[in-house]
Amino acid sequence: MVDNRPLSVLNRNIGNNVIVELKYGKEYRGKLSGYDPHLNLVMEDVKEFINGEKNKEMEKALVRGDNVIYVSP
């Protein structure tokens, strides 16, 4: 049986690429390095998109959990 609770899904995807939809039309795509119960996320090799257009690339990013709309593994 697969545990589909949100934090379990995040835990299974540590080290994998994820898409993080943020408020205000931002989206981050990169490798999930870590997280906490508040959904603060640490990501590596991040590409930032604003309104669907690539804006910049970052080696690392810390995403504050209250800005996250969803995380897609």
N, C-alpha and C. Protein backbone atom coordinates (compact mmCIF):
# COMPACT_ATOMS: atom_id res chain seq x y z
N MET A 1 0.84 -1.19 0.00
CA MET A 1 0.00 0.00 0.00
C MET A 1 0.89 1.24 0.00
N VAL A 2 0.57 2.19 -0.86
CA VAL A 2 1.33 3.42 -0.99
C VAL A 2 0.73 4.49 -0.08
N ASP A 3 1.60 5.16 0.67
CA ASP A 3 1.17 6.24 1.56
C ASP A 3 1.10 7.53 0.75
N ASN A 4 -0.09 8.06 0.53
CA ASN A 4 -0.27 9.25 -0.28
C ASN A 4 -0.51 10.52 0.53
N ARG A 5 -0.10 10.52 1.79
CA ARG A 5 -0.20 11.76 2.56
C ARG A 5 0.79 12.77 1.99
N PRO A 6 0.46 14.04 2.04
CA PRO A 6 1.30 15.05 1.37
C PRO A 6 2.78 15.01 1.74
N LEU A 7 3.11 14.94 3.01
CA LEU A 7 4.52 14.93 3.39
C LEU A 7 5.21 13.63 2.99
N SER A 8 4.47 12.53 2.93
CA SER A 8 5.03 11.26 2.47
C SER A 8 5.36 11.33 0.98
N VAL A 9 4.49 11.97 0.21
CA VAL A 9 4.75 12.14 -1.22
C VAL A 9 5.99 13.00 -1.41
N LEU A 10 6.11 14.09 -0.65
CA LEU A 10 7.31 14.93 -0.74
C LEU A 10 8.55 14.13 -0.37
N ASN A 11 8.47 13.35 0.69
CA ASN A 11 9.63 12.57 1.14
C ASN A 11 10.09 11.60 0.06
N ARG A 12 9.16 10.98 -0.63
CA ARG A 12 9.52 10.03 -1.70
C ARG A 12 10.15 10.74 -2.90
N ASN A 13 9.94 12.05 -3.00
CA ASN A 13 10.46 12.78 -4.16
C ASN A 13 11.68 13.63 -3.86
N ILE A 14 12.29 13.46 -2.70
CA ILE A 14 13.56 14.12 -2.41
C ILE A 14 14.58 13.64 -3.45
N GLY A 15 15.27 14.56 -4.07
CA GLY A 15 16.25 14.21 -5.09
C GLY A 15 15.67 14.13 -6.50
N ASN A 16 14.35 14.24 -6.62
CA ASN A 16 13.69 14.20 -7.92
C ASN A 16 13.28 15.61 -8.35
N ASN A 17 13.06 15.77 -9.64
CA ASN A 17 12.58 17.05 -10.17
C ASN A 17 11.10 17.21 -9.84
N VAL A 18 10.74 18.43 -9.44
CA VAL A 18 9.35 18.76 -9.13
C VAL A 18 9.02 20.11 -9.76
N ILE A 19 7.72 20.37 -9.87
CA ILE A 19 7.23 21.67 -10.30
C ILE A 19 6.49 22.28 -9.12
N VAL A 20 6.86 23.50 -8.77
CA VAL A 20 6.23 24.19 -7.64
C VAL A 20 5.53 25.44 -8.19
N GLU A 21 4.22 25.45 -8.10
CA GLU A 21 3.43 26.61 -8.52
C GLU A 21 3.32 27.55 -7.32
N LEU A 22 3.68 28.81 -7.55
CA LEU A 22 3.66 29.82 -6.50
C LEU A 22 2.62 30.88 -6.79
N LYS A 23 2.35 31.70 -5.79
CA LYS A 23 1.45 32.84 -5.96
C LYS A 23 2.04 33.81 -6.99
N TYR A 24 1.19 34.64 -7.53
CA TYR A 24 1.58 35.75 -8.41
C TYR A 24 2.18 35.28 -9.74
N GLY A 25 1.76 34.10 -10.22
CA GLY A 25 2.16 33.66 -11.55
C GLY A 25 3.56 33.07 -11.65
N LYS A 26 4.21 32.78 -10.53
CA LYS A 26 5.55 32.20 -10.56
C LYS A 26 5.49 30.69 -10.49
N GLU A 27 6.48 30.07 -11.12
CA GLU A 27 6.63 28.62 -11.07
C GLU A 27 8.11 28.29 -10.99
N TYR A 28 8.47 27.38 -10.10
CA TYR A 28 9.85 26.91 -9.99
C TYR A 28 9.89 25.46 -10.41
N ARG A 29 10.89 25.12 -11.21
CA ARG A 29 11.12 23.74 -11.62
C ARG A 29 12.55 23.39 -11.25
N GLY A 30 12.71 22.30 -10.50
CA GLY A 30 14.04 21.89 -10.09
C GLY A 30 13.99 20.67 -9.19
N LYS A 31 15.15 20.33 -8.65
CA LYS A 31 15.29 19.15 -7.81
C LYS A 31 14.96 19.49 -6.36
N LEU A 32 14.04 18.72 -5.77
CA LEU A 32 13.67 18.91 -4.38
C LEU A 32 14.77 18.36 -3.48
N SER A 33 15.34 19.22 -2.63
CA SER A 33 16.42 18.81 -1.73
C SER A 33 15.92 18.57 -0.31
N GLY A 34 14.88 19.29 0.09
CA GLY A 34 14.37 19.13 1.44
C GLY A 34 13.10 19.94 1.64
N TYR A 35 12.47 19.73 2.78
CA TYR A 35 11.21 20.41 3.11
C TYR A 35 11.00 20.32 4.61
N ASP A 36 10.03 21.09 5.11
CA ASP A 36 9.64 20.97 6.51
C ASP A 36 8.11 20.91 6.58
N PRO A 37 7.55 20.71 7.77
CA PRO A 37 6.09 20.57 7.88
C PRO A 37 5.29 21.82 7.44
N HIS A 38 5.95 22.97 7.32
CA HIS A 38 5.28 24.20 6.90
C HIS A 38 5.31 24.34 5.38
N LEU A 39 5.83 23.33 4.69
CA LEU A 39 5.98 23.30 3.23
C LEU A 39 7.02 24.29 2.73
N ASN A 40 7.95 24.72 3.61
CA ASN A 40 9.12 25.44 3.13
C ASN A 40 9.95 24.42 2.36
N LEU A 41 10.38 24.77 1.16
CA LEU A 41 11.08 23.83 0.29
C LEU A 41 12.48 24.32 -0.02
N VAL A 42 13.44 23.40 -0.08
CA VAL A 42 14.77 23.69 -0.56
C VAL A 42 14.90 22.98 -1.90
N MET A 43 15.31 23.74 -2.92
CA MET A 43 15.42 23.19 -4.27
C MET A 43 16.79 23.51 -4.84
N GLU A 44 17.25 22.67 -5.77
CA GLU A 44 18.52 22.88 -6.46
C GLU A 44 18.28 22.90 -7.97
N ASP A 45 19.21 23.53 -8.69
CA ASP A 45 19.14 23.62 -10.15
C ASP A 45 17.76 24.10 -10.59
N VAL A 46 17.38 25.27 -10.09
CA VAL A 46 16.03 25.79 -10.24
C VAL A 46 15.91 26.71 -11.45
N LYS A 47 14.83 26.52 -12.18
CA LYS A 47 14.46 27.42 -13.27
C LYS A 47 13.18 28.13 -12.83
N GLU A 48 13.20 29.46 -12.89
CA GLU A 48 12.04 30.25 -12.50
C GLU A 48 11.28 30.69 -13.75
N PHE A 49 9.98 30.48 -13.72
CA PHE A 49 9.11 30.92 -14.79
C PHE A 49 8.11 31.92 -14.22
N ILE A 50 7.87 32.99 -14.96
CA ILE A 50 6.87 33.97 -14.56
C ILE A 50 5.86 34.06 -15.70
N ASN A 51 4.61 33.77 -15.38
CA ASN A 51 3.53 33.75 -16.37
C ASN A 51 3.90 32.90 -17.58
N GLY A 52 4.53 31.74 -17.31
CA GLY A 52 4.86 30.78 -18.36
C GLY A 52 6.14 31.03 -19.11
N GLU A 53 6.83 32.15 -18.86
CA GLU A 53 8.06 32.46 -19.56
C GLU A 53 9.26 32.32 -18.62
N LYS A 54 10.31 31.64 -19.11
CA LYS A 54 11.51 31.44 -18.30
C LYS A 54 12.14 32.78 -17.97
N ASN A 55 12.39 32.99 -16.69
CA ASN A 55 12.92 34.26 -16.22
C ASN A 55 14.40 34.15 -15.86
N LYS A 56 14.75 33.15 -15.03
CA LYS A 56 16.15 32.99 -14.62
C LYS A 56 16.39 31.59 -14.09
N GLU A 57 17.68 31.29 -13.88
CA GLU A 57 18.09 30.02 -13.29
C GLU A 57 18.87 30.30 -12.02
N MET A 58 18.70 29.40 -11.03
CA MET A 58 19.37 29.56 -9.75
C MET A 58 19.97 28.22 -9.33
N GLU A 59 21.12 28.28 -8.69
CA GLU A 59 21.75 27.06 -8.20
C GLU A 59 20.93 26.45 -7.07
N LYS A 60 20.45 27.31 -6.14
CA LYS A 60 19.63 26.87 -5.02
C LYS A 60 18.54 27.89 -4.74
N ALA A 61 17.43 27.40 -4.19
CA ALA A 61 16.35 28.31 -3.81
C ALA A 61 15.66 27.76 -2.56
N LEU A 62 15.29 28.66 -1.69
CA LEU A 62 14.48 28.33 -0.53
C LEU A 62 13.12 28.97 -0.77
N VAL A 63 12.09 28.14 -0.85
CA VAL A 63 10.75 28.61 -1.15
C VAL A 63 9.94 28.60 0.13
N ARG A 64 9.43 29.74 0.50
CA ARG A 64 8.62 29.85 1.72
C ARG A 64 7.27 29.18 1.49
N GLY A 65 6.87 28.34 2.42
CA GLY A 65 5.68 27.53 2.27
C GLY A 65 4.39 28.27 2.07
N ASP A 66 4.25 29.48 2.62
CA ASP A 66 2.98 30.19 2.45
C ASP A 66 2.82 30.78 1.06
N ASN A 67 3.84 30.68 0.20
CA ASN A 67 3.73 31.11 -1.18
C ASN A 67 3.39 29.97 -2.13
N VAL A 68 3.41 28.73 -1.63
CA VAL A 68 3.19 27.56 -2.47
C VAL A 68 1.70 27.32 -2.69
N ILE A 69 1.33 27.16 -3.97
CA ILE A 69 -0.04 26.76 -4.30
C ILE A 69 -0.09 25.24 -4.42
N TYR A 70 0.87 24.65 -5.17
CA TYR A 70 0.94 23.19 -5.24
C TYR A 70 2.34 22.74 -5.61
N VAL A 71 2.64 21.49 -5.33
CA VAL A 71 3.88 20.83 -5.73
C VAL A 71 3.51 19.61 -6.55
N SER A 72 4.08 19.50 -7.74
CA SER A 72 3.81 18.37 -8.61
C SER A 72 5.08 17.57 -8.80
N PRO A 73 5.08 16.29 -8.35
CA PRO A 73 6.27 15.46 -8.55
C PRO A 73 6.45 15.07 -10.01
